[in-house]
Amino acid sequence: AGTAAPGAASGDGGGDTAQLLRRIAALEERLAAMEAASAGAGGGPAPADRRNRRGRVRPDG
């Protein structure tokens, strides 16, 4: 009565970890480039649409 013991792991996983780390590094570089490009193009998020309870747009200020 009880559960069976888990099977042995397939492979050592070292290659998978190294590949994952390389892919994460590449993504970080791409993200940094995108952030730098958006900062140079005015940066920041688009202004929010300010509406009151009746759905009318409020003036800024």
PDB file of N, CA and C in Angstrom:
ATOM      1  N   ALA A   1       0.850  -1.171   0.000  1.00  0.00           N
ATOM      2  CA  ALA A   1       0.000   0.000   0.000  1.00  0.00           C
ATOM      3  C   ALA A   1       0.888   1.223   0.000  1.00  0.00           C
ATOM      4  N   GLY A   2       0.677   2.104  -0.936  1.00  0.00           N
ATOM      5  CA  GLY A   2       1.481   3.319  -1.070  1.00  0.00           C
ATOM      6  C   GLY A   2       1.771   3.592  -2.535  1.00  0.00           C
ATOM      7  N   THR A   3       2.495   4.637  -2.773  1.00  0.00           N
ATOM      8  CA  THR A   3       2.807   4.996  -4.159  1.00  0.00           C
ATOM      9  C   THR A   3       4.162   4.441  -4.552  1.00  0.00           C
ATOM     10  N   ALA A   4       4.335   4.264  -5.831  1.00  0.00           N
ATOM     11  CA  ALA A   4       5.601   3.753  -6.350  1.00  0.00           C
ATOM     12  C   ALA A   4       6.663   4.843  -6.276  1.00  0.00           C
ATOM     13  N   ALA A   5       7.897   4.440  -6.134  1.00  0.00           N
ATOM     14  CA  ALA A   5       9.003   5.396  -6.109  1.00  0.00           C
ATOM     15  C   ALA A   5       9.149   6.033  -7.482  1.00  0.00           C
ATOM     16  N   PRO A   6       9.540   7.303  -7.535  1.00  0.00           N
ATOM     17  CA  PRO A   6       9.707   7.953  -8.838  1.00  0.00           C
ATOM     18  C   PRO A   6      10.851   7.318  -9.611  1.00  0.00           C
ATOM     19  N   GLY A   7      10.724   7.340 -10.923  1.00  0.00           N
ATOM     20  CA  GLY A   7      11.759   6.777 -11.787  1.00  0.00           C
ATOM     21  C   GLY A   7      12.983   7.681 -11.828  1.00  0.00           C
ATOM     22  N   ALA A   8      14.035   7.174 -12.397  1.00  0.00           N
ATOM     23  CA  ALA A   8      15.271   7.942 -12.528  1.00  0.00           C
ATOM     24  C   ALA A   8      15.059   9.090 -13.508  1.00  0.00           C
ATOM     25  N   ALA A   9      15.756  10.179 -13.274  1.00  0.00           N
ATOM     26  CA  ALA A   9      15.667  11.332 -14.165  1.00  0.00           C
ATOM     27  C   ALA A   9      16.295  10.981 -15.500  1.00  0.00           C
ATOM     28  N   SER A  10      15.721  11.528 -16.570  1.00  0.00           N
ATOM     29  CA  SER A  10      16.275  11.267 -17.893  1.00  0.00           C
ATOM     30  C   SER A  10      17.385  12.268 -18.176  1.00  0.00           C
ATOM     31  N   GLY A  11      18.608  11.826 -18.285  1.00  0.00           N
ATOM     32  CA  GLY A  11      19.744  12.708 -18.562  1.00  0.00           C
ATOM     33  C   GLY A  11      20.128  13.523 -17.340  1.00  0.00           C
ATOM     34  N   ASP A  12      21.185  14.279 -17.471  1.00  0.00           N
ATOM     35  CA  ASP A  12      21.630  15.077 -16.337  1.00  0.00           C
ATOM     36  C   ASP A  12      21.033  16.469 -16.331  1.00  0.00           C
ATOM     37  N   GLY A  13      20.467  16.903 -17.452  1.00  0.00           N
ATOM     38  CA  GLY A  13      19.829  18.205 -17.518  1.00  0.00           C
ATOM     39  C   GLY A  13      20.794  19.359 -17.677  1.00  0.00           C
ATOM     40  N   GLY A  14      22.097  19.110 -17.648  1.00  0.00           N
ATOM     41  CA  GLY A  14      23.079  20.173 -17.761  1.00  0.00           C
ATOM     42  C   GLY A  14      22.981  20.944 -19.064  1.00  0.00           C
ATOM     43  N   GLY A  15      22.783  20.227 -20.159  1.00  0.00           N
ATOM     44  CA  GLY A  15      22.675  20.878 -21.460  1.00  0.00           C
ATOM     45  C   GLY A  15      21.433  21.736 -21.558  1.00  0.00           C
ATOM     46  N   ASP A  16      20.332  21.247 -20.993  1.00  0.00           N
ATOM     47  CA  ASP A  16      19.090  22.004 -21.018  1.00  0.00           C
ATOM     48  C   ASP A  16      19.230  23.301 -20.218  1.00  0.00           C
ATOM     49  N   THR A  17      19.891  23.238 -19.093  1.00  0.00           N
ATOM     50  CA  THR A  17      20.067  24.424 -18.256  1.00  0.00           C
ATOM     51  C   THR A  17      20.932  25.451 -18.967  1.00  0.00           C
ATOM     52  N   ALA A  18      22.005  25.017 -19.578  1.00  0.00           N
ATOM     53  CA  ALA A  18      22.887  25.938 -20.300  1.00  0.00           C
ATOM     54  C   ALA A  18      22.141  26.606 -21.453  1.00  0.00           C
ATOM     55  N   GLN A  19      21.343  25.828 -22.167  1.00  0.00           N
ATOM     56  CA  GLN A  19      20.568  26.387 -23.284  1.00  0.00           C
ATOM     57  C   GLN A  19      19.552  27.398 -22.765  1.00  0.00           C
ATOM     58  N   LEU A  20      18.891  27.082 -21.676  1.00  0.00           N
ATOM     59  CA  LEU A  20      17.914  27.993 -21.096  1.00  0.00           C
ATOM     60  C   LEU A  20      18.578  29.301 -20.671  1.00  0.00           C
ATOM     61  N   LEU A  21      19.740  29.219 -20.055  1.00  0.00           N
ATOM     62  CA  LEU A  21      20.450  30.427 -19.635  1.00  0.00           C
ATOM     63  C   LEU A  21      20.852  31.285 -20.830  1.00  0.00           C
ATOM     64  N   ARG A  22      21.276  30.663 -21.931  1.00  0.00           N
ATOM     65  CA  ARG A  22      21.615  31.422 -23.139  1.00  0.00           C
ATOM     66  C   ARG A  22      20.388  32.118 -23.707  1.00  0.00           C
ATOM     67  N   ARG A  23      19.270  31.419 -23.710  1.00  0.00           N
ATOM     68  CA  ARG A  23      18.039  32.012 -24.246  1.00  0.00           C
ATOM     69  C   ARG A  23      17.554  33.164 -23.377  1.00  0.00           C
ATOM     70  N   ILE A  24      17.671  33.029 -22.063  1.00  0.00           N
ATOM     71  CA  ILE A  24      17.282  34.118 -21.156  1.00  0.00           C
ATOM     72  C   ILE A  24      18.180  35.329 -21.384  1.00  0.00           C
ATOM     73  N   ALA A  25      19.481  35.110 -21.544  1.00  0.00           N
ATOM     74  CA  ALA A  25      20.408  36.215 -21.794  1.00  0.00           C
ATOM     75  C   ALA A  25      20.047  36.933 -23.101  1.00  0.00           C
ATOM     76  N   ALA A  26      19.700  36.171 -24.129  1.00  0.00           N
ATOM     77  CA  ALA A  26      19.317  36.775 -25.404  1.00  0.00           C
ATOM     78  C   ALA A  26      18.041  37.600 -25.249  1.00  0.00           C
ATOM     79  N   LEU A  27      17.083  37.094 -24.490  1.00  0.00           N
ATOM     80  CA  LEU A  27      15.847  37.840 -24.251  1.00  0.00           C
ATOM     81  C   LEU A  27      16.118  39.127 -23.481  1.00  0.00           C
ATOM     82  N   GLU A  28      17.015  39.066 -22.497  1.00  0.00           N
ATOM     83  CA  GLU A  28      17.358  40.264 -21.728  1.00  0.00           C
ATOM     84  C   GLU A  28      17.980  41.328 -22.627  1.00  0.00           C
ATOM     85  N   GLU A  29      18.830  40.900 -23.559  1.00  0.00           N
ATOM     86  CA  GLU A  29      19.434  41.854 -24.490  1.00  0.00           C
ATOM     87  C   GLU A  29      18.381  42.482 -25.391  1.00  0.00           C
ATOM     88  N   ARG A  30      17.458  41.665 -25.886  1.00  0.00           N
ATOM     89  CA  ARG A  30      16.396  42.195 -26.738  1.00  0.00           C
ATOM     90  C   ARG A  30      15.508  43.166 -25.980  1.00  0.00           C
ATOM     91  N   LEU A  31      15.192  42.838 -24.741  1.00  0.00           N
ATOM     92  CA  LEU A  31      14.354  43.711 -23.927  1.00  0.00           C
ATOM     93  C   LEU A  31      15.054  45.035 -23.659  1.00  0.00           C
ATOM     94  N   ALA A  32      16.347  44.985 -23.345  1.00  0.00           N
ATOM     95  CA  ALA A  32      17.104  46.209 -23.100  1.00  0.00           C
ATOM     96  C   ALA A  32      17.122  47.088 -24.347  1.00  0.00           C
ATOM     97  N   ALA A  33      17.267  46.482 -25.513  1.00  0.00           N
ATOM     98  CA  ALA A  33      17.264  47.244 -26.758  1.00  0.00           C
ATOM     99  C   ALA A  33      15.903  47.879 -27.004  1.00  0.00           C
ATOM    100  N   MET A  34      14.833  47.145 -26.723  1.00  0.00           N
ATOM    101  CA  MET A  34      13.483  47.689 -26.899  1.00  0.00           C
ATOM    102  C   MET A  34      13.233  48.843 -25.941  1.00  0.00           C
ATOM    103  N   GLU A  35      13.685  48.709 -24.682  1.00  0.00           N
ATOM    104  CA  GLU A  35      13.503  49.770 -23.706  1.00  0.00           C
ATOM    105  C   GLU A  35      14.284  51.012 -24.104  1.00  0.00           C
ATOM    106  N   ALA A  36      15.503  50.836 -24.602  1.00  0.00           N
ATOM    107  CA  ALA A  36      16.312  51.966 -25.031  1.00  0.00           C
ATOM    108  C   ALA A  36      15.663  52.672 -26.217  1.00  0.00           C
ATOM    109  N   ALA A  37      15.110  51.902 -27.140  1.00  0.00           N
ATOM    110  CA  ALA A  37      14.464  52.485 -28.311  1.00  0.00           C
ATOM    111  C   ALA A  37      13.206  53.258 -27.922  1.00  0.00           C
ATOM    112  N   SER A  38      12.430  52.729 -26.988  1.00  0.00           N
ATOM    113  CA  SER A  38      11.204  53.425 -26.587  1.00  0.00           C
ATOM    114  C   SER A  38      11.519  54.661 -25.764  1.00  0.00           C
ATOM    115  N   ALA A  39      12.609  54.661 -25.010  1.00  0.00           N
ATOM    116  CA  ALA A  39      12.998  55.834 -24.228  1.00  0.00           C
ATOM    117  C   ALA A  39      13.430  56.955 -25.156  1.00  0.00           C
ATOM    118  N   GLY A  40      14.052  56.605 -26.262  1.00  0.00           N
ATOM    119  CA  GLY A  40      14.486  57.607 -27.226  1.00  0.00           C
ATOM    120  C   GLY A  40      13.350  58.144 -28.061  1.00  0.00           C
ATOM    121  N   ALA A  41      12.246  57.437 -28.128  1.00  0.00           N
ATOM    122  CA  ALA A  41      11.105  57.840 -28.949  1.00  0.00           C
ATOM    123  C   ALA A  41       9.996  58.460 -28.106  1.00  0.00           C
ATOM    124  N   GLY A  42      10.350  59.125 -27.036  1.00  0.00           N
ATOM    125  CA  GLY A  42       9.336  59.737 -26.183  1.00  0.00           C
ATOM    126  C   GLY A  42       9.082  58.924 -24.945  1.00  0.00           C
ATOM    127  N   GLY A  43       9.294  57.634 -25.023  1.00  0.00           N
ATOM    128  CA  GLY A  43       9.202  56.734 -23.873  1.00  0.00           C
ATOM    129  C   GLY A  43       7.908  56.843 -23.104  1.00  0.00           C
ATOM    130  N   GLY A  44       7.771  56.009 -22.157  1.00  0.00           N
ATOM    131  CA  GLY A  44       6.620  56.033 -21.270  1.00  0.00           C
ATOM    132  C   GLY A  44       5.368  55.502 -21.926  1.00  0.00           C
ATOM    133  N   PRO A  45       4.415  55.139 -21.119  1.00  0.00           N
ATOM    134  CA  PRO A  45       3.152  54.626 -21.648  1.00  0.00           C
ATOM    135  C   PRO A  45       2.293  55.741 -22.232  1.00  0.00           C
ATOM    136  N   ALA A  46       1.361  55.352 -23.056  1.00  0.00           N
ATOM    137  CA  ALA A  46       0.426  56.327 -23.612  1.00  0.00           C
ATOM    138  C   ALA A  46      -0.439  56.888 -22.496  1.00  0.00           C
ATOM    139  N   PRO A  47      -0.838  58.162 -22.611  1.00  0.00           N
ATOM    140  CA  PRO A  47      -1.670  58.747 -21.556  1.00  0.00           C
ATOM    141  C   PRO A  47      -2.992  58.011 -21.432  1.00  0.00           C
ATOM    142  N   ALA A  48      -3.469  57.879 -20.222  1.00  0.00           N
ATOM    143  CA  ALA A  48      -4.726  57.173 -19.967  1.00  0.00           C
ATOM    144  C   ALA A  48      -5.901  58.042 -20.395  1.00  0.00           C
ATOM    145  N   ASP A  49      -6.950  57.399 -20.847  1.00  0.00           N
ATOM    146  CA  ASP A  49      -8.181  58.088 -21.204  1.00  0.00           C
ATOM    147  C   ASP A  49      -8.924  58.386 -19.916  1.00  0.00           C
ATOM    148  N   ARG A  50      -9.043  59.649 -19.582  1.00  0.00           N
ATOM    149  CA  ARG A  50      -9.672  60.021 -18.311  1.00  0.00           C
ATOM    150  C   ARG A  50     -11.161  60.271 -18.538  1.00  0.00           C
ATOM    151  N   ARG A  51     -11.971  59.403 -18.001  1.00  0.00           N
ATOM    152  CA  ARG A  51     -13.420  59.541 -18.142  1.00  0.00           C
ATOM    153  C   ARG A  51     -14.065  59.631 -16.771  1.00  0.00           C
ATOM    154  N   ASN A  52     -15.126  60.407 -16.707  1.00  0.00           N
ATOM    155  CA  ASN A  52     -15.863  60.481 -15.458  1.00  0.00           C
ATOM    156  C   ASN A  52     -16.902  59.372 -15.411  1.00  0.00           C
ATOM    157  N   ARG A  53     -17.745  59.395 -14.409  1.00  0.00           N
ATOM    158  CA  ARG A  53     -18.719  58.307 -14.235  1.00  0.00           C
ATOM    159  C   ARG A  53     -19.742  58.236 -15.367  1.00  0.00           C
ATOM    160  N   ARG A  54     -19.987  59.333 -16.041  1.00  0.00           N
ATOM    161  CA  ARG A  54     -20.964  59.345 -17.128  1.00  0.00           C
ATOM    162  C   ARG A  54     -20.331  59.018 -18.476  1.00  0.00           C
ATOM    163  N   GLY A  55     -19.019  58.695 -18.469  1.00  0.00           N
ATOM    164  CA  GLY A  55     -18.358  58.322 -19.702  1.00  0.00           C
ATOM    165  C   GLY A  55     -17.798  59.482 -20.477  1.00  0.00           C
ATOM    166  N   ARG A  56     -17.901  60.703 -19.932  1.00  0.00           N
ATOM    167  CA  ARG A  56     -17.363  61.853 -20.620  1.00  0.00           C
ATOM    168  C   ARG A  56     -15.886  62.022 -20.313  1.00  0.00           C
ATOM    169  N   VAL A  57     -15.147  62.450 -21.307  1.00  0.00           N
ATOM    170  CA  VAL A  57     -13.707  62.654 -21.122  1.00  0.00           C
ATOM    171  C   VAL A  57     -13.496  63.931 -20.329  1.00  0.00           C
ATOM    172  N   ARG A  58     -12.691  63.812 -19.241  1.00  0.00           N
ATOM    173  CA  ARG A  58     -12.370  64.972 -18.413  1.00  0.00           C
ATOM    174  C   ARG A  58     -11.200  65.726 -19.021  1.00  0.00           C
ATOM    175  N   PRO A  59     -11.199  67.022 -18.886  1.00  0.00           N
ATOM    176  CA  PRO A  59     -10.022  67.792 -19.346  1.00  0.00           C
ATOM    177  C   PRO A  59      -8.850  67.525 -18.413  1.00  0.00           C
ATOM    178  N   ASP A  60      -7.663  67.538 -18.965  1.00  0.00           N
ATOM    179  CA  ASP A  60      -6.463  67.366 -18.131  1.00  0.00           C
ATOM    180  C   ASP A  60      -6.248  68.602 -17.280  1.00  0.00           C
ATOM    181  N   GLY A  61      -5.707  68.358 -16.098  1.00  0.00           N
ATOM    182  CA  GLY A  61      -5.313  69.484 -15.265  1.00  0.00           C
ATOM    183  C   GLY A  61      -5.972  69.544 -13.990  1.00  0.00           C
TER     184      GLY A  61
END
